[in-house]
């Protein structure tokens, strides 16, 4: 399990937080009911989402579950095979993986994703902890790739600079 054990453990803990918040929501909040968390700022509102972000692709639960499973599989392989060698890249993949698997579990076992976090100060979609992991992880991955990939992955690959080829001179005097 090498150095991947803490990464997979972190992903599992994030999935656990996601699943507990969803279970508590389904247990204690009625469908479409609101619970004030921070009045005027955040409510918990229980919503069943059969689609993807902003309820797009509604009623495509099987396709979305399959897509989540395939992407999760790729992230597991990427972490296990150390495709991103720098720890920052590995941890970011763990966060995205947790979000993808958190929503996959809902789709596979419930047929919908449990959403509950509603921001009241802006009109925005109701979302969940797994969504936060996917969005923040994706933003972090974009920043990592755009600004840090060359530096961090280059140094993580070998730590050594490539050697110059020896200079060969030919002396042609006649």
N, C-alpha and C. Protein backbone atom coordinates (compact mmCIF):
# COMPACT_ATOMS: atom_id res chain seq x y z
N UNK A 1 0.81 -1.21 0.00
CA UNK A 1 0.00 0.00 0.00
C UNK A 1 0.85 1.26 0.00
N UNK A 2 2.09 1.14 0.14
CA UNK A 2 3.05 2.23 0.04
C UNK A 2 2.55 3.52 0.69
N UNK A 3 2.75 4.60 -0.02
CA UNK A 3 2.38 5.92 0.46
C UNK A 3 0.92 6.26 0.16
N UNK A 4 0.20 5.35 -0.47
CA UNK A 4 -1.18 5.65 -0.86
C UNK A 4 -2.18 5.42 0.26
N UNK A 5 -1.79 4.68 1.30
CA UNK A 5 -2.73 4.39 2.38
C UNK A 5 -3.33 5.65 3.00
N UNK A 6 -2.53 6.66 3.37
CA UNK A 6 -3.15 7.88 3.93
C UNK A 6 -4.07 8.60 2.94
N UNK A 7 -3.73 8.54 1.67
CA UNK A 7 -4.54 9.21 0.64
C UNK A 7 -5.91 8.53 0.54
N UNK A 8 -5.91 7.20 0.45
CA UNK A 8 -7.18 6.47 0.36
C UNK A 8 -7.96 6.58 1.68
N UNK A 9 -7.27 6.63 2.80
CA UNK A 9 -7.94 6.80 4.09
C UNK A 9 -8.64 8.15 4.15
N UNK A 10 -7.97 9.20 3.68
CA UNK A 10 -8.58 10.54 3.65
C UNK A 10 -9.82 10.54 2.76
N UNK A 11 -9.73 9.91 1.60
CA UNK A 11 -10.88 9.83 0.70
C UNK A 11 -12.03 9.09 1.39
N UNK A 12 -11.72 8.00 2.08
CA UNK A 12 -12.76 7.24 2.78
C UNK A 12 -13.42 8.07 3.88
N UNK A 13 -12.64 8.85 4.60
CA UNK A 13 -13.20 9.71 5.65
C UNK A 13 -14.11 10.79 5.07
N UNK A 14 -13.70 11.37 3.94
CA UNK A 14 -14.55 12.37 3.28
C UNK A 14 -15.86 11.74 2.79
N UNK A 15 -15.78 10.53 2.27
CA UNK A 15 -16.99 9.81 1.83
C UNK A 15 -17.89 9.56 3.04
N UNK A 16 -17.29 9.19 4.17
CA UNK A 16 -18.06 8.94 5.39
C UNK A 16 -18.79 10.20 5.84
N UNK A 17 -18.10 11.34 5.84
CA UNK A 17 -18.75 12.61 6.20
C UNK A 17 -19.92 12.88 5.25
N UNK A 18 -19.70 12.68 3.97
CA UNK A 18 -20.76 12.91 2.98
C UNK A 18 -21.96 12.01 3.25
N UNK A 19 -21.72 10.74 3.45
CA UNK A 19 -22.82 9.80 3.64
C UNK A 19 -23.56 10.03 4.95
N UNK A 20 -22.85 10.43 5.99
CA UNK A 20 -23.51 10.72 7.27
C UNK A 20 -24.41 11.95 7.13
N UNK A 21 -23.91 13.00 6.46
CA UNK A 21 -24.74 14.21 6.30
C UNK A 21 -25.97 13.91 5.46
N UNK A 22 -25.82 13.06 4.47
CA UNK A 22 -26.98 12.70 3.64
C UNK A 22 -27.97 11.84 4.41
N UNK A 23 -27.48 10.90 5.20
CA UNK A 23 -28.36 10.07 6.02
C UNK A 23 -29.13 10.91 7.04
N UNK A 24 -28.44 11.82 7.69
CA UNK A 24 -29.09 12.70 8.66
C UNK A 24 -30.16 13.56 7.98
N UNK A 25 -29.86 14.02 6.79
CA UNK A 25 -30.83 14.83 6.04
C UNK A 25 -32.07 14.02 5.73
N UNK A 26 -31.89 12.81 5.18
CA UNK A 26 -33.04 11.97 4.83
C UNK A 26 -33.84 11.56 6.07
N UNK A 27 -33.16 11.42 7.20
CA UNK A 27 -33.81 10.96 8.43
C UNK A 27 -34.58 12.07 9.13
N UNK A 28 -34.01 13.27 9.18
CA UNK A 28 -34.56 14.32 10.04
C UNK A 28 -35.20 15.51 9.31
N UNK A 29 -35.06 15.58 7.99
CA UNK A 29 -35.65 16.69 7.26
C UNK A 29 -36.60 16.11 6.21
N UNK A 30 -37.81 16.58 6.20
CA UNK A 30 -38.78 16.13 5.21
C UNK A 30 -38.39 16.64 3.82
N UNK A 31 -38.79 15.88 2.81
CA UNK A 31 -38.50 16.27 1.43
C UNK A 31 -39.02 17.69 1.17
N UNK A 32 -38.18 18.53 0.64
CA UNK A 32 -38.46 19.94 0.32
C UNK A 32 -38.70 20.81 1.56
N UNK A 33 -38.39 20.30 2.74
CA UNK A 33 -38.52 21.07 3.97
C UNK A 33 -37.21 21.81 4.24
N UNK A 34 -37.28 22.92 4.96
CA UNK A 34 -36.12 23.77 5.25
C UNK A 34 -35.82 23.74 6.75
N UNK A 35 -34.52 23.76 7.06
CA UNK A 35 -34.06 23.93 8.43
C UNK A 35 -33.05 25.06 8.41
N UNK A 36 -33.32 26.10 9.21
CA UNK A 36 -32.39 27.23 9.28
C UNK A 36 -31.08 26.80 9.93
N UNK A 37 -29.98 27.08 9.26
CA UNK A 37 -28.67 26.82 9.83
C UNK A 37 -28.06 28.15 10.25
N UNK A 38 -27.92 29.05 9.30
CA UNK A 38 -27.52 30.43 9.54
C UNK A 38 -28.57 31.29 8.84
N UNK A 39 -29.53 31.82 9.59
CA UNK A 39 -30.67 32.54 8.98
C UNK A 39 -30.21 33.60 7.96
N UNK A 40 -30.83 33.52 6.80
CA UNK A 40 -30.52 34.46 5.73
C UNK A 40 -29.27 34.12 4.95
N UNK A 41 -28.54 33.11 5.41
CA UNK A 41 -27.29 32.74 4.74
C UNK A 41 -27.35 31.31 4.21
N UNK A 42 -27.60 30.34 5.11
CA UNK A 42 -27.60 28.92 4.73
C UNK A 42 -28.77 28.21 5.39
N UNK A 43 -29.49 27.42 4.59
CA UNK A 43 -30.51 26.50 5.08
C UNK A 43 -30.11 25.09 4.66
N UNK A 44 -30.64 24.12 5.39
CA UNK A 44 -30.62 22.75 4.90
C UNK A 44 -31.99 22.49 4.32
N UNK A 45 -32.04 22.15 3.05
CA UNK A 45 -33.28 21.85 2.35
C UNK A 45 -33.11 20.50 1.67
N UNK A 46 -33.92 19.53 2.04
CA UNK A 46 -33.79 18.18 1.48
C UNK A 46 -34.39 18.14 0.09
N UNK A 47 -33.52 17.80 -0.89
CA UNK A 47 -33.92 17.68 -2.28
C UNK A 47 -33.36 16.38 -2.84
N UNK A 48 -34.17 15.69 -3.64
CA UNK A 48 -33.69 14.50 -4.36
C UNK A 48 -33.31 14.95 -5.77
N UNK A 49 -32.08 14.68 -6.15
CA UNK A 49 -31.58 15.08 -7.47
C UNK A 49 -31.32 13.83 -8.29
N UNK A 50 -32.08 13.64 -9.36
CA UNK A 50 -31.88 12.48 -10.23
C UNK A 50 -30.94 12.79 -11.38
N UNK A 51 -30.44 14.03 -11.43
CA UNK A 51 -29.56 14.42 -12.51
C UNK A 51 -28.16 14.73 -12.02
N UNK A 52 -27.52 15.64 -12.72
CA UNK A 52 -26.17 16.08 -12.38
C UNK A 52 -26.28 17.50 -11.83
N UNK A 53 -25.26 18.30 -12.01
CA UNK A 53 -25.25 19.67 -11.50
C UNK A 53 -26.46 20.45 -12.02
N UNK A 54 -27.08 21.22 -11.12
CA UNK A 54 -28.26 22.02 -11.44
C UNK A 54 -29.39 21.17 -12.02
N UNK A 55 -29.44 19.89 -11.63
CA UNK A 55 -30.44 18.92 -12.09
C UNK A 55 -30.40 18.68 -13.59
N UNK A 56 -29.28 19.01 -14.23
CA UNK A 56 -29.15 18.70 -15.65
C UNK A 56 -29.08 17.18 -15.81
N UNK A 57 -29.47 16.69 -16.94
CA UNK A 57 -29.52 15.25 -17.24
C UNK A 57 -30.42 14.51 -16.26
N UNK A 58 -31.53 15.15 -15.85
CA UNK A 58 -32.47 14.50 -14.95
C UNK A 58 -32.91 13.17 -15.52
N UNK A 59 -33.12 12.23 -14.66
CA UNK A 59 -33.54 10.87 -15.01
C UNK A 59 -32.47 10.10 -15.78
N UNK A 60 -31.23 10.53 -15.70
CA UNK A 60 -30.12 9.79 -16.31
C UNK A 60 -29.24 9.19 -15.22
N UNK A 61 -29.87 8.74 -14.15
CA UNK A 61 -29.15 8.27 -12.98
C UNK A 61 -28.19 7.13 -13.32
N UNK A 62 -28.63 6.17 -14.12
CA UNK A 62 -27.78 5.02 -14.45
C UNK A 62 -26.55 5.47 -15.23
N UNK A 63 -26.74 6.32 -16.22
CA UNK A 63 -25.62 6.83 -17.00
C UNK A 63 -24.65 7.63 -16.11
N UNK A 64 -25.19 8.48 -15.25
CA UNK A 64 -24.35 9.28 -14.36
C UNK A 64 -23.62 8.40 -13.35
N UNK A 65 -24.28 7.35 -12.85
CA UNK A 65 -23.62 6.42 -11.92
C UNK A 65 -22.48 5.70 -12.62
N UNK A 66 -22.70 5.27 -13.85
CA UNK A 66 -21.66 4.59 -14.62
C UNK A 66 -20.48 5.53 -14.88
N UNK A 67 -20.78 6.76 -15.26
CA UNK A 67 -19.73 7.75 -15.50
C UNK A 67 -18.93 8.02 -14.22
N UNK A 68 -19.62 8.16 -13.08
CA UNK A 68 -18.94 8.37 -11.80
C UNK A 68 -18.05 7.19 -11.46
N UNK A 69 -18.53 5.98 -11.72
CA UNK A 69 -17.76 4.78 -11.42
C UNK A 69 -16.50 4.70 -12.28
N UNK A 70 -16.62 4.99 -13.55
CA UNK A 70 -15.47 4.96 -14.46
C UNK A 70 -14.44 6.01 -14.05
N UNK A 71 -14.91 7.23 -13.79
CA UNK A 71 -13.98 8.31 -13.39
C UNK A 71 -13.33 7.99 -12.04
N UNK A 72 -14.09 7.41 -11.12
CA UNK A 72 -13.53 7.03 -9.83
C UNK A 72 -12.46 5.96 -10.01
N UNK A 73 -12.74 5.02 -10.89
CA UNK A 73 -11.75 3.97 -11.18
C UNK A 73 -10.46 4.56 -11.72
N UNK A 74 -10.59 5.53 -12.62
CA UNK A 74 -9.39 6.19 -13.16
C UNK A 74 -8.61 6.93 -12.07
N UNK A 75 -9.33 7.59 -11.17
CA UNK A 75 -8.64 8.30 -10.08
C UNK A 75 -7.97 7.33 -9.12
N UNK A 76 -8.60 6.20 -8.85
CA UNK A 76 -7.98 5.19 -7.99
C UNK A 76 -6.69 4.68 -8.63
N UNK A 77 -6.74 4.38 -9.92
CA UNK A 77 -5.53 3.93 -10.63
C UNK A 77 -4.48 5.04 -10.62
N UNK A 78 -4.89 6.28 -10.84
CA UNK A 78 -3.94 7.40 -10.85
C UNK A 78 -3.24 7.55 -9.50
N UNK A 79 -3.99 7.38 -8.42
CA UNK A 79 -3.38 7.46 -7.10
C UNK A 79 -2.48 6.25 -6.86
N UNK A 80 -2.99 5.06 -7.14
CA UNK A 80 -2.25 3.82 -6.89
C UNK A 80 -0.96 3.75 -7.72
N UNK A 81 -1.05 4.14 -8.99
CA UNK A 81 0.11 4.07 -9.90
C UNK A 81 0.99 5.31 -9.81
N UNK A 82 0.57 6.27 -8.95
CA UNK A 82 1.38 7.47 -8.73
C UNK A 82 1.56 8.30 -10.00
N UNK A 83 0.48 8.45 -10.77
CA UNK A 83 0.55 9.24 -11.99
C UNK A 83 0.91 10.68 -11.69
N UNK A 84 0.40 11.21 -10.60
CA UNK A 84 0.85 12.51 -10.11
C UNK A 84 1.77 12.21 -8.94
N UNK A 85 3.04 12.48 -9.12
CA UNK A 85 4.03 12.05 -8.12
C UNK A 85 4.10 12.96 -6.91
N UNK A 86 3.78 14.22 -7.07
CA UNK A 86 3.87 15.14 -5.94
C UNK A 86 2.67 14.90 -5.02
N UNK A 87 2.89 14.92 -3.70
CA UNK A 87 1.78 14.69 -2.76
C UNK A 87 0.59 15.62 -2.95
N UNK A 88 0.81 16.86 -3.33
CA UNK A 88 -0.30 17.79 -3.53
C UNK A 88 -1.26 17.24 -4.59
N UNK A 89 -0.74 16.74 -5.69
CA UNK A 89 -1.57 16.17 -6.73
C UNK A 89 -2.33 14.95 -6.25
N UNK A 90 -1.68 14.11 -5.45
CA UNK A 90 -2.31 12.92 -4.90
C UNK A 90 -3.48 13.28 -3.97
N UNK A 91 -3.26 14.27 -3.08
CA UNK A 91 -4.31 14.68 -2.14
C UNK A 91 -5.48 15.32 -2.87
N UNK A 92 -5.20 16.08 -3.91
CA UNK A 92 -6.29 16.68 -4.69
C UNK A 92 -7.13 15.58 -5.36
N UNK A 93 -6.46 14.57 -5.90
CA UNK A 93 -7.20 13.45 -6.50
C UNK A 93 -8.08 12.76 -5.46
N UNK A 94 -7.59 12.64 -4.22
CA UNK A 94 -8.37 12.00 -3.16
C UNK A 94 -9.66 12.77 -2.87
N UNK A 95 -9.58 14.09 -2.89
CA UNK A 95 -10.76 14.91 -2.63
C UNK A 95 -11.78 14.75 -3.75
N UNK A 96 -11.33 14.79 -4.99
CA UNK A 96 -12.24 14.61 -6.13
C UNK A 96 -12.84 13.20 -6.11
N UNK A 97 -12.00 12.20 -5.82
CA UNK A 97 -12.46 10.82 -5.73
C UNK A 97 -13.56 10.68 -4.68
N UNK A 98 -13.37 11.28 -3.52
CA UNK A 98 -14.37 11.21 -2.45
C UNK A 98 -15.70 11.78 -2.91
N UNK A 99 -15.67 12.90 -3.59
CA UNK A 99 -16.90 13.50 -4.09
C UNK A 99 -17.58 12.63 -5.13
N UNK A 100 -16.80 12.10 -6.05
CA UNK A 100 -17.37 11.25 -7.10
C UNK A 100 -18.00 9.98 -6.51
N UNK A 101 -17.29 9.35 -5.57
CA UNK A 101 -17.82 8.13 -4.97
C UNK A 101 -18.99 8.41 -4.03
N UNK A 102 -18.96 9.55 -3.34
CA UNK A 102 -20.07 9.91 -2.47
C UNK A 102 -21.37 10.02 -3.23
N UNK A 103 -21.34 10.68 -4.38
CA UNK A 103 -22.56 10.80 -5.19
C UNK A 103 -22.88 9.49 -5.93
N UNK A 104 -21.86 8.72 -6.29
CA UNK A 104 -22.09 7.41 -6.91
C UNK A 104 -22.88 6.50 -5.97
N UNK A 105 -22.49 6.49 -4.69
CA UNK A 105 -23.17 5.64 -3.71
C UNK A 105 -24.66 5.97 -3.68
N UNK A 106 -25.00 7.26 -3.66
CA UNK A 106 -26.41 7.65 -3.68
C UNK A 106 -27.11 7.16 -4.94
N UNK A 107 -26.50 7.41 -6.08
CA UNK A 107 -27.14 7.02 -7.35
C UNK A 107 -27.33 5.50 -7.42
N UNK A 108 -26.30 4.75 -7.01
CA UNK A 108 -26.35 3.30 -7.13
C UNK A 108 -27.36 2.67 -6.16
N UNK A 109 -27.45 3.19 -4.95
CA UNK A 109 -28.28 2.55 -3.93
C UNK A 109 -29.64 3.22 -3.71
N UNK A 110 -29.76 4.49 -4.06
CA UNK A 110 -31.02 5.20 -3.83
C UNK A 110 -31.73 5.59 -5.13
N UNK A 111 -30.97 5.70 -6.22
CA UNK A 111 -31.55 6.13 -7.49
C UNK A 111 -31.60 7.64 -7.63
N UNK A 112 -31.04 8.36 -6.67
CA UNK A 112 -30.98 9.82 -6.70
C UNK A 112 -29.85 10.25 -5.77
N UNK A 113 -29.45 11.51 -5.89
CA UNK A 113 -28.45 12.09 -5.01
C UNK A 113 -29.16 12.97 -4.00
N UNK A 114 -28.80 12.81 -2.73
CA UNK A 114 -29.37 13.63 -1.66
C UNK A 114 -28.64 14.95 -1.60
N UNK A 115 -29.35 16.04 -1.84
CA UNK A 115 -28.79 17.39 -1.72
C UNK A 115 -29.45 18.08 -0.55
N UNK A 116 -28.70 18.98 0.11
CA UNK A 116 -29.29 19.64 1.27
C UNK A 116 -28.78 21.04 1.56
N UNK A 117 -27.65 21.44 1.08
CA UNK A 117 -27.08 22.74 1.43
C UNK A 117 -27.62 23.79 0.45
N UNK A 118 -28.31 24.78 1.00
CA UNK A 118 -28.88 25.85 0.16
C UNK A 118 -28.35 27.20 0.64
N UNK A 119 -27.67 27.89 -0.26
CA UNK A 119 -27.18 29.23 0.05
C UNK A 119 -28.29 30.23 -0.21
N UNK A 120 -28.65 30.99 0.80
CA UNK A 120 -29.79 31.91 0.68
C UNK A 120 -29.39 33.29 0.20
N UNK A 121 -28.14 33.66 0.38
CA UNK A 121 -27.71 35.00 -0.01
C UNK A 121 -27.50 35.13 -1.52
N UNK A 122 -27.47 34.00 -2.21
CA UNK A 122 -27.48 33.98 -3.68
C UNK A 122 -28.43 32.86 -4.10
N UNK A 123 -29.03 33.01 -5.24
CA UNK A 123 -29.88 31.94 -5.75
C UNK A 123 -28.98 30.96 -6.46
N UNK A 124 -28.82 29.83 -5.84
CA UNK A 124 -27.90 28.82 -6.34
C UNK A 124 -28.53 27.45 -6.14
N UNK A 125 -28.01 26.46 -6.81
CA UNK A 125 -28.53 25.10 -6.67
C UNK A 125 -28.32 24.58 -5.25
N UNK A 126 -29.19 23.68 -4.82
CA UNK A 126 -28.99 22.97 -3.57
C UNK A 126 -27.95 21.89 -3.85
N UNK A 127 -27.01 21.72 -2.94
CA UNK A 127 -25.89 20.80 -3.17
C UNK A 127 -25.56 20.04 -1.91
N UNK A 128 -24.50 19.22 -1.96
CA UNK A 128 -24.12 18.40 -0.81
C UNK A 128 -22.60 18.42 -0.61
N UNK A 129 -22.14 17.71 0.41
CA UNK A 129 -20.72 17.68 0.75
C UNK A 129 -19.88 17.09 -0.39
N UNK A 130 -20.39 16.04 -1.04
CA UNK A 130 -19.67 15.43 -2.16
C UNK A 130 -19.48 16.44 -3.30
N UNK A 131 -20.50 17.25 -3.55
CA UNK A 131 -20.40 18.29 -4.59
C UNK A 131 -19.29 19.28 -4.24
N UNK A 132 -19.21 19.63 -2.96
CA UNK A 132 -18.15 20.55 -2.52
C UNK A 132 -16.78 19.94 -2.79
N UNK A 133 -16.63 18.64 -2.50
CA UNK A 133 -15.36 17.96 -2.76
C UNK A 133 -15.00 17.98 -4.25
N UNK A 134 -15.99 17.68 -5.10
CA UNK A 134 -15.73 17.66 -6.55
C UNK A 134 -15.35 19.05 -7.05
N UNK A 135 -16.11 20.07 -6.65
CA UNK A 135 -15.87 21.42 -7.15
C UNK A 135 -14.55 21.97 -6.64
N UNK A 136 -14.33 21.93 -5.33
CA UNK A 136 -13.07 22.46 -4.79
C UNK A 136 -11.87 21.64 -5.26
N UNK A 137 -12.04 20.33 -5.34
CA UNK A 137 -10.96 19.48 -5.85
C UNK A 137 -10.64 19.78 -7.31
N UNK A 138 -11.65 20.01 -8.10
CA UNK A 138 -11.44 20.33 -9.53
C UNK A 138 -10.76 21.68 -9.70
N UNK A 139 -11.18 22.66 -8.90
CA UNK A 139 -10.52 23.97 -8.95
C UNK A 139 -9.06 23.84 -8.53
N UNK A 140 -8.83 23.10 -7.44
CA UNK A 140 -7.46 22.89 -6.98
C UNK A 140 -6.62 22.17 -8.03
N UNK A 141 -7.22 21.18 -8.73
CA UNK A 141 -6.49 20.46 -9.77
C UNK A 141 -6.16 21.38 -10.94
N UNK A 142 -7.09 22.24 -11.32
CA UNK A 142 -6.82 23.19 -12.40
C UNK A 142 -5.68 24.13 -12.02
N UNK A 143 -5.71 24.65 -10.80
CA UNK A 143 -4.62 25.52 -10.33
C UNK A 143 -3.31 24.75 -10.31
N UNK A 144 -3.34 23.52 -9.83
CA UNK A 144 -2.15 22.67 -9.77
C UNK A 144 -1.54 22.48 -11.16
N UNK A 145 -2.40 22.11 -12.11
CA UNK A 145 -1.91 21.85 -13.47
C UNK A 145 -1.41 23.12 -14.14
N UNK A 146 -2.16 24.21 -14.03
CA UNK A 146 -1.79 25.44 -14.71
C UNK A 146 -0.54 26.09 -14.12
N UNK A 147 -0.46 26.14 -12.80
CA UNK A 147 0.60 26.92 -12.16
C UNK A 147 1.74 26.10 -11.54
N UNK A 148 1.50 24.85 -11.19
CA UNK A 148 2.50 24.13 -10.42
C UNK A 148 2.96 22.81 -11.02
N UNK A 149 2.25 22.29 -12.01
CA UNK A 149 2.54 20.95 -12.54
C UNK A 149 3.99 20.80 -12.99
N UNK A 150 4.45 21.70 -13.84
CA UNK A 150 5.81 21.56 -14.37
C UNK A 150 6.85 21.57 -13.26
N UNK A 151 6.70 22.48 -12.33
CA UNK A 151 7.67 22.60 -11.25
C UNK A 151 7.60 21.40 -10.30
N UNK A 152 6.41 21.06 -9.83
CA UNK A 152 6.28 20.01 -8.83
C UNK A 152 6.45 18.61 -9.41
N UNK A 153 5.86 18.35 -10.55
CA UNK A 153 6.00 17.02 -11.14
C UNK A 153 7.39 16.81 -11.71
N UNK A 154 7.98 17.86 -12.24
CA UNK A 154 9.35 17.74 -12.75
C UNK A 154 10.32 17.41 -11.63
N UNK A 155 10.19 18.07 -10.48
CA UNK A 155 11.09 17.80 -9.37
C UNK A 155 10.76 16.49 -8.69
N UNK A 156 9.51 16.07 -8.76
CA UNK A 156 9.12 14.83 -8.10
C UNK A 156 9.53 13.60 -8.91
N UNK A 157 9.71 13.78 -10.22
CA UNK A 157 10.03 12.64 -11.07
C UNK A 157 11.40 12.07 -10.79
N UNK A 158 12.40 12.91 -10.73
CA UNK A 158 13.73 12.37 -10.55
C UNK A 158 14.57 13.14 -9.56
N UNK A 159 14.34 14.41 -9.47
CA UNK A 159 15.17 15.22 -8.60
C UNK A 159 16.49 15.59 -9.24
N UNK A 160 16.79 15.00 -10.36
CA UNK A 160 18.06 15.27 -11.03
C UNK A 160 17.81 15.99 -12.34
N UNK A 161 18.73 16.83 -12.70
CA UNK A 161 18.62 17.54 -13.97
C UNK A 161 19.17 16.65 -15.07
N UNK A 162 18.60 16.73 -16.25
CA UNK A 162 19.16 15.93 -17.35
C UNK A 162 20.58 16.40 -17.67
N UNK A 163 21.42 15.42 -17.99
CA UNK A 163 22.81 15.75 -18.31
C UNK A 163 22.90 16.24 -19.74
N UNK A 164 23.87 17.13 -19.95
CA UNK A 164 24.11 17.60 -21.31
C UNK A 164 24.91 16.53 -22.05
N UNK A 165 24.70 16.49 -23.36
CA UNK A 165 25.49 15.57 -24.15
C UNK A 165 26.90 16.10 -24.25
N UNK A 166 27.86 15.20 -24.24
CA UNK A 166 29.25 15.66 -24.33
C UNK A 166 29.53 16.35 -25.65
N UNK A 167 30.36 17.36 -25.59
CA UNK A 167 30.71 18.09 -26.78
C UNK A 167 31.84 17.35 -27.49
N UNK A 168 31.61 17.05 -28.75
CA UNK A 168 32.63 16.35 -29.54
C UNK A 168 33.13 17.32 -30.59
N UNK A 169 34.41 17.45 -30.66
CA UNK A 169 34.97 18.31 -31.70
C UNK A 169 35.80 17.49 -32.65
N UNK A 170 35.75 17.87 -33.87
CA UNK A 170 36.56 17.21 -34.88
C UNK A 170 37.56 18.22 -35.40
N UNK A 171 38.77 17.82 -35.44
CA UNK A 171 39.84 18.72 -35.89
C UNK A 171 40.29 18.22 -37.25
N UNK A 172 40.01 18.97 -38.29
CA UNK A 172 40.39 18.59 -39.65
C UNK A 172 41.44 19.56 -40.15
N UNK A 173 42.65 19.22 -39.93
CA UNK A 173 43.74 20.02 -40.50
C UNK A 173 44.40 19.20 -41.58
N UNK A 174 44.68 19.82 -42.59
CA UNK A 174 45.20 19.11 -43.71
C UNK A 174 46.56 19.28 -43.97
